Amino acid sequence: MTRVTIRIDFDDGRHLGHGKVRLLEMIEAHGSISSAARAMDMSYRRAWLLVDEVNRMFTTPVLETQLGGKGGGRASLTDFGRELIAHYRAIEHESRATFAQRIHALEEKLSGVPQG
């Protein structure tokens, strides 16, 4: 299925894209960075670095964490974290709707031989 992938590049070189947003969604679903990383087949360190990058990107934190212990660490999105995801997903949705006809026109011209 053809999809439009959105990456928002801010003026100062920071960016937000599908991978970071998906990681935040997985943290919300699984309740921890490590569980989300496992679900995405990603190392904990990589996931932590990405989350830290997004957390430092904005003036309001996107994630709250609780250190591990007997029950393990926990992580949950802040209200702003959920708002960030909603904004990003709305941008994706609106982009698909805006460009649907043009994408369809390109799909019709695709060769029958997949690349790669």
PDB file of N, CA and C in Angstrom:
ATOM      1  N   MET A   1       0.842  -1.182   0.000  1.00  0.00           N
ATOM      2  CA  MET A   1       0.000   0.000   0.000  1.00  0.00           C
ATOM      3  C   MET A   1       0.887   1.245   0.000  1.00  0.00           C
ATOM      4  N   THR A   2       0.566   2.172  -0.820  1.00  0.00           N
ATOM      5  CA  THR A   2       1.301   3.429  -0.893  1.00  0.00           C
ATOM      6  C   THR A   2       0.967   4.263   0.327  1.00  0.00           C
ATOM      7  N   ARG A   3       1.981   4.904   0.861  1.00  0.00           N
ATOM      8  CA  ARG A   3       1.748   5.774   2.010  1.00  0.00           C
ATOM      9  C   ARG A   3       2.594   7.026   1.873  1.00  0.00           C
ATOM     10  N   VAL A   4       2.152   8.064   2.513  1.00  0.00           N
ATOM     11  CA  VAL A   4       2.900   9.315   2.598  1.00  0.00           C
ATOM     12  C   VAL A   4       3.559   9.326   3.964  1.00  0.00           C
ATOM     13  N   THR A   5       4.863   9.527   3.978  1.00  0.00           N
ATOM     14  CA  THR A   5       5.593   9.592   5.234  1.00  0.00           C
ATOM     15  C   THR A   5       5.949  11.042   5.505  1.00  0.00           C
ATOM     16  N   ILE A   6       5.602  11.503   6.680  1.00  0.00           N
ATOM     17  CA  ILE A   6       5.819  12.899   7.043  1.00  0.00           C
ATOM     18  C   ILE A   6       7.002  12.996   8.000  1.00  0.00           C
ATOM     19  N   ARG A   7       7.888  13.925   7.712  1.00  0.00           N
ATOM     20  CA  ARG A   7       8.960  14.268   8.636  1.00  0.00           C
ATOM     21  C   ARG A   7       8.960  15.779   8.745  1.00  0.00           C
ATOM     22  N   ILE A   8       8.843  16.264   9.959  1.00  0.00           N
ATOM     23  CA  ILE A   8       8.827  17.697  10.202  1.00  0.00           C
ATOM     24  C   ILE A   8      10.242  18.111  10.585  1.00  0.00           C
ATOM     25  N   ASP A   9      10.844  18.931   9.758  1.00  0.00           N
ATOM     26  CA  ASP A   9      12.192  19.438  10.009  1.00  0.00           C
ATOM     27  C   ASP A   9      12.080  20.857  10.549  1.00  0.00           C
ATOM     28  N   PHE A  10      12.451  21.028  11.805  1.00  0.00           N
ATOM     29  CA  PHE A  10      12.417  22.344  12.410  1.00  0.00           C
ATOM     30  C   PHE A  10      13.672  23.121  11.997  1.00  0.00           C
ATOM     31  N   ASP A  11      13.615  24.447  12.105  1.00  0.00           N
ATOM     32  CA  ASP A  11      14.695  25.316  11.629  1.00  0.00           C
ATOM     33  C   ASP A  11      16.061  24.987  12.198  1.00  0.00           C
ATOM     34  N   ASP A  12      16.126  24.496  13.401  1.00  0.00           N
ATOM     35  CA  ASP A  12      17.414  24.308  14.075  1.00  0.00           C
ATOM     36  C   ASP A  12      18.007  22.911  13.878  1.00  0.00           C
ATOM     37  N   GLY A  13      17.496  22.156  12.922  1.00  0.00           N
ATOM     38  CA  GLY A  13      18.050  20.834  12.629  1.00  0.00           C
ATOM     39  C   GLY A  13      17.353  19.692  13.352  1.00  0.00           C
ATOM     40  N   ARG A  14      16.485  19.994  14.295  1.00  0.00           N
ATOM     41  CA  ARG A  14      15.733  18.931  14.965  1.00  0.00           C
ATOM     42  C   ARG A  14      14.590  18.496  14.056  1.00  0.00           C
ATOM     43  N   HIS A  15      14.171  17.237  14.215  1.00  0.00           N
ATOM     44  CA  HIS A  15      13.092  16.732  13.370  1.00  0.00           C
ATOM     45  C   HIS A  15      12.229  15.721  14.127  1.00  0.00           C
ATOM     46  N   LEU A  16      11.016  15.608  13.637  1.00  0.00           N
ATOM     47  CA  LEU A  16      10.045  14.681  14.200  1.00  0.00           C
ATOM     48  C   LEU A  16       9.424  13.922  13.042  1.00  0.00           C
ATOM     49  N   GLY A  17       9.451  12.593  13.149  1.00  0.00           N
ATOM     50  CA  GLY A  17       8.907  11.777  12.078  1.00  0.00           C
ATOM     51  C   GLY A  17       8.165  10.566  12.607  1.00  0.00           C
ATOM     52  N   HIS A  18       7.822   9.696  11.685  1.00  0.00           N
ATOM     53  CA  HIS A  18       7.009   8.522  11.993  1.00  0.00           C
ATOM     54  C   HIS A  18       7.629   7.640  13.081  1.00  0.00           C
ATOM     55  N   GLY A  19       8.927   7.407  13.026  1.00  0.00           N
ATOM     56  CA  GLY A  19       9.567   6.506  13.981  1.00  0.00           C
ATOM     57  C   GLY A  19       9.469   6.989  15.418  1.00  0.00           C
ATOM     58  N   LYS A  20       9.744   8.251  15.632  1.00  0.00           N
ATOM     59  CA  LYS A  20       9.677   8.804  16.985  1.00  0.00           C
ATOM     60  C   LYS A  20       8.239   8.812  17.497  1.00  0.00           C
ATOM     61  N   VAL A  21       7.311   9.177  16.623  1.00  0.00           N
ATOM     62  CA  VAL A  21       5.906   9.194  17.026  1.00  0.00           C
ATOM     63  C   VAL A  21       5.432   7.774  17.330  1.00  0.00           C
ATOM     64  N   ARG A  22       5.815   6.822  16.505  1.00  0.00           N
ATOM     65  CA  ARG A  22       5.424   5.422  16.743  1.00  0.00           C
ATOM     66  C   ARG A  22       6.009   4.920  18.063  1.00  0.00           C
ATOM     67  N   LEU A  23       7.235   5.294  18.374  1.00  0.00           N
ATOM     68  CA  LEU A  23       7.840   4.904  19.643  1.00  0.00           C
ATOM     69  C   LEU A  23       7.042   5.469  20.813  1.00  0.00           C
ATOM     70  N   LEU A  24       6.636   6.722  20.729  1.00  0.00           N
ATOM     71  CA  LEU A  24       5.813   7.305  21.795  1.00  0.00           C
ATOM     72  C   LEU A  24       4.494   6.553  21.937  1.00  0.00           C
ATOM     73  N   GLU A  25       3.888   6.191  20.810  1.00  0.00           N
ATOM     74  CA  GLU A  25       2.639   5.416  20.867  1.00  0.00           C
ATOM     75  C   GLU A  25       2.860   4.058  21.532  1.00  0.00           C
ATOM     76  N   MET A  26       3.965   3.427  21.228  1.00  0.00           N
ATOM     77  CA  MET A  26       4.258   2.117  21.819  1.00  0.00           C
ATOM     78  C   MET A  26       4.549   2.231  23.314  1.00  0.00           C
ATOM     79  N   ILE A  27       5.198   3.300  23.726  1.00  0.00           N
ATOM     80  CA  ILE A  27       5.434   3.519  25.153  1.00  0.00           C
ATOM     81  C   ILE A  27       4.104   3.692  25.871  1.00  0.00           C
ATOM     82  N   GLU A  28       3.216   4.436  25.270  1.00  0.00           N
ATOM     83  CA  GLU A  28       1.887   4.621  25.860  1.00  0.00           C
ATOM     84  C   GLU A  28       1.156   3.273  25.974  1.00  0.00           C
ATOM     85  N   ALA A  29       1.274   2.456  24.949  1.00  0.00           N
ATOM     86  CA  ALA A  29       0.583   1.160  24.932  1.00  0.00           C
ATOM     87  C   ALA A  29       1.203   0.159  25.909  1.00  0.00           C
ATOM     88  N   HIS A  30       2.534   0.161  26.031  1.00  0.00           N
ATOM     89  CA  HIS A  30       3.234  -0.848  26.827  1.00  0.00           C
ATOM     90  C   HIS A  30       3.624  -0.386  28.223  1.00  0.00           C
ATOM     91  N   GLY A  31       3.631   0.923  28.463  1.00  0.00           N
ATOM     92  CA  GLY A  31       3.907   1.426  29.801  1.00  0.00           C
ATOM     93  C   GLY A  31       5.375   1.529  30.179  1.00  0.00           C
ATOM     94  N   SER A  32       6.268   1.235  29.234  1.00  0.00           N
ATOM     95  CA  SER A  32       7.695   1.388  29.534  1.00  0.00           C
ATOM     96  C   SER A  32       8.481   1.538  28.229  1.00  0.00           C
ATOM     97  N   ILE A  33       9.641   2.165  28.368  1.00  0.00           N
ATOM     98  CA  ILE A  33      10.515   2.333  27.206  1.00  0.00           C
ATOM     99  C   ILE A  33      11.054   0.979  26.761  1.00  0.00           C
ATOM    100  N   SER A  34      11.451   0.158  27.711  1.00  0.00           N
ATOM    101  CA  SER A  34      12.047  -1.133  27.349  1.00  0.00           C
ATOM    102  C   SER A  34      11.034  -2.045  26.653  1.00  0.00           C
ATOM    103  N   SER A  35       9.811  -2.076  27.122  1.00  0.00           N
ATOM    104  CA  SER A  35       8.780  -2.903  26.468  1.00  0.00           C
ATOM    105  C   SER A  35       8.463  -2.379  25.073  1.00  0.00           C
ATOM    106  N   ALA A  36       8.403  -1.070  24.937  1.00  0.00           N
ATOM    107  CA  ALA A  36       8.150  -0.478  23.623  1.00  0.00           C
ATOM    108  C   ALA A  36       9.299  -0.796  22.671  1.00  0.00           C
ATOM    109  N   ALA A  37      10.527  -0.700  23.172  1.00  0.00           N
ATOM    110  CA  ALA A  37      11.696  -1.000  22.341  1.00  0.00           C
ATOM    111  C   ALA A  37      11.657  -2.450  21.862  1.00  0.00           C
ATOM    112  N   ARG A  38      11.349  -3.368  22.765  1.00  0.00           N
ATOM    113  CA  ARG A  38      11.257  -4.785  22.376  1.00  0.00           C
ATOM    114  C   ARG A  38      10.184  -4.987  21.310  1.00  0.00           C
ATOM    115  N   ALA A  39       9.044  -4.339  21.483  1.00  0.00           N
ATOM    116  CA  ALA A  39       7.939  -4.486  20.530  1.00  0.00           C
ATOM    117  C   ALA A  39       8.323  -3.950  19.154  1.00  0.00           C
ATOM    118  N   MET A  40       9.261  -2.998  19.115  1.00  0.00           N
ATOM    119  CA  MET A  40       9.683  -2.406  17.847  1.00  0.00           C
ATOM    120  C   MET A  40      10.992  -3.012  17.352  1.00  0.00           C
ATOM    121  N   ASP A  41      11.470  -4.036  18.059  1.00  0.00           N
ATOM    122  CA  ASP A  41      12.737  -4.681  17.706  1.00  0.00           C
ATOM    123  C   ASP A  41      13.876  -3.652  17.663  1.00  0.00           C
ATOM    124  N   MET A  42      13.949  -2.868  18.733  1.00  0.00           N
ATOM    125  CA  MET A  42      14.917  -1.790  18.847  1.00  0.00           C
ATOM    126  C   MET A  42      15.638  -1.954  20.181  1.00  0.00           C
ATOM    127  N   SER A  43      16.879  -1.532  20.244  1.00  0.00           N
ATOM    128  CA  SER A  43      17.596  -1.612  21.512  1.00  0.00           C
ATOM    129  C   SER A  43      17.021  -0.590  22.492  1.00  0.00           C
ATOM    130  N   TYR A  44      17.122  -0.909  23.765  1.00  0.00           N
ATOM    131  CA  TYR A  44      16.656   0.018  24.792  1.00  0.00           C
ATOM    132  C   TYR A  44      17.409   1.337  24.676  1.00  0.00           C
ATOM    133  N   ARG A  45      18.704   1.256  24.463  1.00  0.00           N
ATOM    134  CA  ARG A  45      19.520   2.483  24.380  1.00  0.00           C
ATOM    135  C   ARG A  45      19.043   3.379  23.243  1.00  0.00           C
ATOM    136  N   ARG A  46      18.791   2.807  22.080  1.00  0.00           N
ATOM    137  CA  ARG A  46      18.309   3.582  20.933  1.00  0.00           C
ATOM    138  C   ARG A  46      16.966   4.226  21.256  1.00  0.00           C
ATOM    139  N   ALA A  47      16.063   3.452  21.852  1.00  0.00           N
ATOM    140  CA  ALA A  47      14.746   3.979  22.212  1.00  0.00           C
ATOM    141  C   ALA A  47      14.887   5.120  23.226  1.00  0.00           C
ATOM    142  N   TRP A  48      15.732   4.919  24.230  1.00  0.00           N
ATOM    143  CA  TRP A  48      15.915   5.945  25.251  1.00  0.00           C
ATOM    144  C   TRP A  48      16.476   7.225  24.634  1.00  0.00           C
ATOM    145  N   LEU A  49      17.451   7.104  23.740  1.00  0.00           N
ATOM    146  CA  LEU A  49      18.033   8.278  23.088  1.00  0.00           C
ATOM    147  C   LEU A  49      16.995   9.028  22.250  1.00  0.00           C
ATOM    148  N   LEU A  50      16.154   8.292  21.542  1.00  0.00           N
ATOM    149  CA  LEU A  50      15.114   8.934  20.734  1.00  0.00           C
ATOM    150  C   LEU A  50      14.098   9.656  21.612  1.00  0.00           C
ATOM    151  N   VAL A  51      13.677   9.007  22.687  1.00  0.00           N
ATOM    152  CA  VAL A  51      12.713   9.625  23.602  1.00  0.00           C
ATOM    153  C   VAL A  51      13.321  10.864  24.254  1.00  0.00           C
ATOM    154  N   ASP A  52      14.574  10.758  24.660  1.00  0.00           N
ATOM    155  CA  ASP A  52      15.248  11.895  25.270  1.00  0.00           C
ATOM    156  C   ASP A  52      15.336  13.057  24.280  1.00  0.00           C
ATOM    157  N   GLU A  53      15.630  12.739  23.028  1.00  0.00           N
ATOM    158  CA  GLU A  53      15.698  13.772  21.985  1.00  0.00           C
ATOM    159  C   GLU A  53      14.363  14.489  21.835  1.00  0.00           C
ATOM    160  N   VAL A  54      13.271  13.727  21.784  1.00  0.00           N
ATOM    161  CA  VAL A  54      11.946  14.342  21.652  1.00  0.00           C
ATOM    162  C   VAL A  54      11.607  15.126  22.917  1.00  0.00           C
ATOM    163  N   ASN A  55      11.936  14.596  24.066  1.00  0.00           N
ATOM    164  CA  ASN A  55      11.645  15.279  25.332  1.00  0.00           C
ATOM    165  C   ASN A  55      12.366  16.622  25.402  1.00  0.00           C
ATOM    166  N   ARG A  56      13.582  16.693  24.875  1.00  0.00           N
ATOM    167  CA  ARG A  56      14.344  17.942  24.915  1.00  0.00           C
ATOM    168  C   ARG A  56      13.978  18.891  23.779  1.00  0.00           C
ATOM    169  N   MET A  57      13.249  18.400  22.797  1.00  0.00           N
ATOM    170  CA  MET A  57      12.896  19.185  21.624  1.00  0.00           C
ATOM    171  C   MET A  57      11.890  20.292  21.946  1.00  0.00           C
ATOM    172  N   PHE A  58      11.060  20.056  22.916  1.00  0.00           N
ATOM    173  CA  PHE A  58       9.965  20.964  23.228  1.00  0.00           C
ATOM    174  C   PHE A  58      10.121  21.534  24.638  1.00  0.00           C
ATOM    175  N   THR A  59       9.438  22.636  24.891  1.00  0.00           N
ATOM    176  CA  THR A  59       9.510  23.259  26.214  1.00  0.00           C
ATOM    177  C   THR A  59       8.738  22.463  27.260  1.00  0.00           C
ATOM    178  N   THR A  60       7.830  21.630  26.802  1.00  0.00           N
ATOM    179  CA  THR A  60       7.027  20.799  27.701  1.00  0.00           C
ATOM    180  C   THR A  60       7.402  19.342  27.477  1.00  0.00           C
ATOM    181  N   PRO A  61       7.665  18.585  28.543  1.00  0.00           N
ATOM    182  CA  PRO A  61       8.030  17.174  28.377  1.00  0.00           C
ATOM    183  C   PRO A  61       6.910  16.372  27.708  1.00  0.00           C
ATOM    184  N   VAL A  62       7.307  15.367  26.946  1.00  0.00           N
ATOM    185  CA  VAL A  62       6.339  14.475  26.306  1.00  0.00           C
ATOM    186  C   VAL A  62       6.176  13.175  27.092  1.00  0.00           C
ATOM    187  N   LEU A  63       7.129  12.911  27.984  1.00  0.00           N
ATOM    188  CA  LEU A  63       7.153  11.635  28.684  1.00  0.00           C
ATOM    189  C   LEU A  63       7.530  11.837  30.145  1.00  0.00           C
ATOM    190  N   GLU A  64       6.872  11.079  31.002  1.00  0.00           N
ATOM    191  CA  GLU A  64       7.231  11.036  32.424  1.00  0.00           C
ATOM    192  C   GLU A  64       7.704   9.627  32.715  1.00  0.00           C
ATOM    193  N   THR A  65       8.802   9.510  33.452  1.00  0.00           N
ATOM    194  CA  THR A  65       9.338   8.189  33.772  1.00  0.00           C
ATOM    195  C   THR A  65       9.425   7.997  35.264  1.00  0.00           C
ATOM    196  N   GLN A  66       9.375   6.740  35.657  1.00  0.00           N
ATOM    197  CA  GLN A  66       9.567   6.334  37.048  1.00  0.00           C
ATOM    198  C   GLN A  66      10.676   5.298  37.023  1.00  0.00           C
ATOM    199  N   LEU A  67      11.696   5.508  37.818  1.00  0.00           N
ATOM    200  CA  LEU A  67      12.838   4.595  37.822  1.00  0.00           C
ATOM    201  C   LEU A  67      12.426   3.181  38.176  1.00  0.00           C
ATOM    202  N   GLY A  68      13.201   2.235  37.673  1.00  0.00           N
ATOM    203  CA  GLY A  68      12.931   0.819  37.930  1.00  0.00           C
ATOM    204  C   GLY A  68      13.113   0.466  39.393  1.00  0.00           C
ATOM    205  N   GLY A  69      12.728  -0.683  39.701  1.00  0.00           N
ATOM    206  CA  GLY A  69      12.798  -1.204  41.062  1.00  0.00           C
ATOM    207  C   GLY A  69      12.224  -2.598  41.039  1.00  0.00           C
ATOM    208  N   LYS A  70      11.535  -2.943  42.085  1.00  0.00           N
ATOM    209  CA  LYS A  70      10.959  -4.277  42.166  1.00  0.00           C
ATOM    210  C   LYS A  70      10.033  -4.593  40.988  1.00  0.00           C
ATOM    211  N   GLY A  71       9.181  -3.648  40.629  1.00  0.00           N
ATOM    212  CA  GLY A  71       8.245  -3.863  39.522  1.00  0.00           C
ATOM    213  C   GLY A  71       8.771  -3.379  38.189  1.00  0.00           C
ATOM    214  N   GLY A  72       9.967  -2.819  38.161  1.00  0.00           N
ATOM    215  CA  GLY A  72      10.520  -2.275  36.923  1.00  0.00           C
ATOM    216  C   GLY A  72      10.114  -0.836  36.725  1.00  0.00           C
ATOM    217  N   GLY A  73      10.751  -0.180  35.780  1.00  0.00           N
ATOM    218  CA  GLY A  73      10.465   1.218  35.507  1.00  0.00           C
ATOM    219  C   GLY A  73       9.168   1.378  34.729  1.00  0.00           C
ATOM    220  N   ARG A  74       8.605   2.553  34.824  1.00  0.00           N
ATOM    221  CA  ARG A  74       7.370   2.863  34.109  1.00  0.00           C
ATOM    222  C   ARG A  74       7.585   4.148  33.321  1.00  0.00           C
ATOM    223  N   ALA A  75       6.858   4.283  32.252  1.00  0.00           N
ATOM    224  CA  ALA A  75       6.878   5.508  31.466  1.00  0.00           C
ATOM    225  C   ALA A  75       5.468   5.770  30.950  1.00  0.00           C
ATOM    226  N   SER A  76       5.096   7.018  30.954  1.00  0.00           N
ATOM    227  CA  SER A  76       3.788   7.374  30.416  1.00  0.00           C
ATOM    228  C   SER A  76       3.884   8.735  29.734  1.00  0.00           C
ATOM    229  N   LEU A  77       3.036   8.929  28.771  1.00  0.00           N
ATOM    230  CA  LEU A  77       3.025  10.195  28.058  1.00  0.00           C
ATOM    231  C   LEU A  77       2.355  11.268  28.908  1.00  0.00           C
ATOM    232  N   THR A  78       2.844  12.465  28.760  1.00  0.00           N
ATOM    233  CA  THR A  78       2.188  13.611  29.371  1.00  0.00           C
ATOM    234  C   THR A  78       1.016  13.998  28.471  1.00  0.00           C
ATOM    235  N   ASP A  79       0.204  14.930  28.949  1.00  0.00           N
ATOM    236  CA  ASP A  79      -0.880  15.429  28.095  1.00  0.00           C
ATOM    237  C   ASP A  79      -0.301  16.004  26.813  1.00  0.00           C
ATOM    238  N   PHE A  80       0.829  16.706  26.924  1.00  0.00           N
ATOM    239  CA  PHE A  80       1.456  17.254  25.723  1.00  0.00           C
ATOM    240  C   PHE A  80       1.953  16.143  24.801  1.00  0.00           C
ATOM    241  N   GLY A  81       2.461  15.052  25.354  1.00  0.00           N
ATOM    242  CA  GLY A  81       2.901  13.925  24.532  1.00  0.00           C
ATOM    243  C   GLY A  81       1.761  13.366  23.694  1.00  0.00           C
ATOM    244  N   ARG A  82       0.597  13.227  24.313  1.00  0.00           N
ATOM    245  CA  ARG A  82      -0.575  12.753  23.569  1.00  0.00           C
ATOM    246  C   ARG A  82      -1.018  13.785  22.528  1.00  0.00           C
ATOM    247  N   GLU A  83      -0.911  15.058  22.887  1.00  0.00           N
ATOM    248  CA  GLU A  83      -1.253  16.137  21.953  1.00  0.00           C
ATOM    249  C   GLU A  83      -0.290  16.139  20.760  1.00  0.00           C
ATOM    250  N   LEU A  84       0.977  15.915  21.019  1.00  0.00           N
ATOM    251  CA  LEU A  84       1.987  15.845  19.962  1.00  0.00           C
ATOM    252  C   LEU A  84       1.642  14.740  18.960  1.00  0.00           C
ATOM    253  N   ILE A  85       1.316  13.569  19.478  1.00  0.00           N
ATOM    254  CA  ILE A  85       0.926  12.450  18.614  1.00  0.00           C
ATOM    255  C   ILE A  85      -0.311  12.816  17.803  1.00  0.00           C
ATOM    256  N   ALA A  86      -1.294  13.418  18.452  1.00  0.00           N
ATOM    257  CA  ALA A  86      -2.535  13.788  17.755  1.00  0.00           C
ATOM    258  C   ALA A  86      -2.256  14.783  16.631  1.00  0.00           C
ATOM    259  N   HIS A  87      -1.400  15.780  16.889  1.00  0.00           N
ATOM    260  CA  HIS A  87      -1.054  16.747  15.846  1.00  0.00           C
ATOM    261  C   HIS A  87      -0.363  16.055  14.677  1.00  0.00           C
ATOM    262  N   TYR A  88       0.599  15.196  14.982  1.00  0.00           N
ATOM    263  CA  TYR A  88       1.350  14.509  13.937  1.00  0.00           C
ATOM    264  C   TYR A  88       0.422  13.626  13.098  1.00  0.00           C
ATOM    265  N   ARG A  89      -0.426  12.839  13.751  1.00  0.00           N
ATOM    266  CA  ARG A  89      -1.339  11.949  13.025  1.00  0.00           C
ATOM    267  C   ARG A  89      -2.350  12.748  12.197  1.00  0.00           C
ATOM    268  N   ALA A  90      -2.774  13.906  12.697  1.00  0.00           N
ATOM    269  CA  ALA A  90      -3.690  14.755  11.925  1.00  0.00           C
ATOM    270  C   ALA A  90      -2.991  15.290  10.675  1.00  0.00           C
ATOM    271  N   ILE A  91      -1.726  15.672  10.806  1.00  0.00           N
ATOM    272  CA  ILE A  91      -0.955  16.138   9.645  1.00  0.00           C
ATOM    273  C   ILE A  91      -0.851  15.020   8.614  1.00  0.00           C
ATOM    274  N   GLU A  92      -0.573  13.787   9.072  1.00  0.00           N
ATOM    275  CA  GLU A  92      -0.514  12.645   8.149  1.00  0.00           C
ATOM    276  C   GLU A  92      -1.847  12.449   7.427  1.00  0.00           C
ATOM    277  N   HIS A  93      -2.913  12.437   8.200  1.00  0.00           N
ATOM    278  CA  HIS A  93      -4.247  12.199   7.652  1.00  0.00           C
ATOM    279  C   HIS A  93      -4.612  13.270   6.611  1.00  0.00           C
ATOM    280  N   GLU A  94      -4.373  14.530   6.966  1.00  0.00           N
ATOM    281  CA  GLU A  94      -4.699  15.622   6.054  1.00  0.00           C
ATOM    282  C   GLU A  94      -3.837  15.569   4.794  1.00  0.00           C
ATOM    283  N   SER A  95      -2.591  15.140   4.940  1.00  0.00           N
ATOM    284  CA  SER A  95      -1.705  15.015   3.776  1.00  0.00           C
ATOM    285  C   SER A  95      -2.210  13.939   2.829  1.00  0.00           C
ATOM    286  N   ARG A  96      -2.611  12.792   3.385  1.00  0.00           N
ATOM    287  CA  ARG A  96      -3.146  11.723   2.539  1.00  0.00           C
ATOM    288  C   ARG A  96      -4.375  12.207   1.781  1.00  0.00           C
ATOM    289  N   ALA A  97      -5.255  12.911   2.473  1.00  0.00           N
ATOM    290  CA  ALA A  97      -6.470  13.400   1.830  1.00  0.00           C
ATOM    291  C   ALA A  97      -6.142  14.435   0.758  1.00  0.00           C
ATOM    292  N   THR A  98      -5.214  15.315   1.041  1.00  0.00           N
ATOM    293  CA  THR A  98      -4.840  16.370   0.099  1.00  0.00           C
ATOM    294  C   THR A  98      -4.201  15.810  -1.163  1.00  0.00           C
ATOM    295  N   PHE A  99      -3.348  14.804  -1.002  1.00  0.00           N
ATOM    296  CA  PHE A  99      -2.571  14.302  -2.129  1.00  0.00           C
ATOM    297  C   PHE A  99      -3.092  12.993  -2.718  1.00  0.00           C
ATOM    298  N   ALA A 100      -4.258  12.543  -2.319  1.00  0.00           N
ATOM    299  CA  ALA A 100      -4.778  11.247  -2.759  1.00  0.00           C
ATOM    300  C   ALA A 100      -4.857  11.129  -4.279  1.00  0.00           C
ATOM    301  N   GLN A 101      -5.372  12.134  -4.947  1.00  0.00           N
ATOM    302  CA  GLN A 101      -5.505  12.056  -6.410  1.00  0.00           C
ATOM    303  C   GLN A 101      -4.140  12.009  -7.088  1.00  0.00           C
ATOM    304  N   ARG A 102      -3.209  12.799  -6.619  1.00  0.00           N
ATOM    305  CA  ARG A 102      -1.882  12.815  -7.228  1.00  0.00           C
ATOM    306  C   ARG A 102      -1.160  11.484  -6.989  1.00  0.00           C
ATOM    307  N   ILE A 103      -1.311  10.939  -5.790  1.00  0.00           N
ATOM    308  CA  ILE A 103      -0.697   9.644  -5.485  1.00  0.00           C
ATOM    309  C   ILE A 103      -1.304   8.557  -6.373  1.00  0.00           C
ATOM    310  N   HIS A 104      -2.623   8.592  -6.523  1.00  0.00           N
ATOM    311  CA  HIS A 104      -3.300   7.612  -7.380  1.00  0.00           C
ATOM    312  C   HIS A 104      -2.790   7.708  -8.817  1.00  0.00           C
ATOM    313  N   ALA A 105      -2.592   8.927  -9.305  1.00  0.00           N
ATOM    314  CA  ALA A 105      -2.080   9.119 -10.664  1.00  0.00           C
ATOM    315  C   ALA A 105      -0.682   8.508 -10.802  1.00  0.00           C
ATOM    316  N   LEU A 106       0.140   8.647  -9.789  1.00  0.00           N
ATOM    317  CA  LEU A 106       1.478   8.049  -9.822  1.00  0.00           C
ATOM    318  C   LEU A 106       1.406   6.528  -9.735  1.00  0.00           C
ATOM    319  N   GLU A 107       0.514   6.022  -8.883  1.00  0.00           N
ATOM    320  CA  GLU A 107       0.359   4.562  -8.745  1.00  0.00           C
ATOM    321  C   GLU A 107      -0.032   3.919 -10.068  1.00  0.00           C
ATOM    322  N   GLU A 108      -0.880   4.595 -10.809  1.00  0.00           N
ATOM    323  CA  GLU A 108      -1.319   4.051 -12.100  1.00  0.00           C
ATOM    324  C   GLU A 108      -0.167   3.911 -13.092  1.00  0.00           C
ATOM    325  N   LYS A 109       0.882   4.676 -12.894  1.00  0.00           N
ATOM    326  CA  LYS A 109       2.029   4.656 -13.807  1.00  0.00           C
ATOM    327  C   LYS A 109       3.176   3.775 -13.312  1.00  0.00           C
ATOM    328  N   LEU A 110       2.995   3.126 -12.167  1.00  0.00           N
ATOM    329  CA  LEU A 110       4.038   2.237 -11.650  1.00  0.00           C
ATOM    330  C   LEU A 110       4.234   1.056 -12.589  1.00  0.00           C
ATOM    331  N   SER A 111       5.489   0.665 -12.756  1.00  0.00           N
ATOM    332  CA  SER A 111       5.758  -0.521 -13.558  1.00  0.00           C
ATOM    333  C   SER A 111       5.383  -1.755 -12.743  1.00  0.00           C
ATOM    334  N   GLY A 112       5.234  -2.873 -13.422  1.00  0.00           N
ATOM    335  CA  GLY A 112       4.882  -4.108 -12.732  1.00  0.00           C
ATOM    336  C   GLY A 112       6.069  -4.764 -12.037  1.00  0.00           C
ATOM    337  N   VAL A 113       7.240  -4.160 -12.153  1.00  0.00           N
ATOM    338  CA  VAL A 113       8.454  -4.740 -11.567  1.00  0.00           C
ATOM    339  C   VAL A 113       8.818  -3.954 -10.319  1.00  0.00           C
ATOM    340  N   PRO A 114       8.735  -4.582  -9.144  1.00  0.00           N
ATOM    341  CA  PRO A 114       9.113  -3.881  -7.917  1.00  0.00           C
ATOM    342  C   PRO A 114      10.613  -3.575  -7.891  1.00  0.00           C
ATOM    343  N   GLN A 115      10.978  -2.491  -7.262  1.00  0.00           N
ATOM    344  CA  GLN A 115      12.379  -2.089  -7.121  1.00  0.00           C
ATOM    345  C   GLN A 115      12.996  -2.787  -5.919  1.00  0.00           C
ATOM    346  N   GLY A 116      14.294  -3.018  -5.990  1.00  0.00           N
ATOM    347  CA  GLY A 116      15.024  -3.546  -4.832  1.00  0.00           C
ATOM    348  C   GLY A 116      15.118  -5.012  -4.875  1.00  0.00           C
TER     349      GLY A 116
END
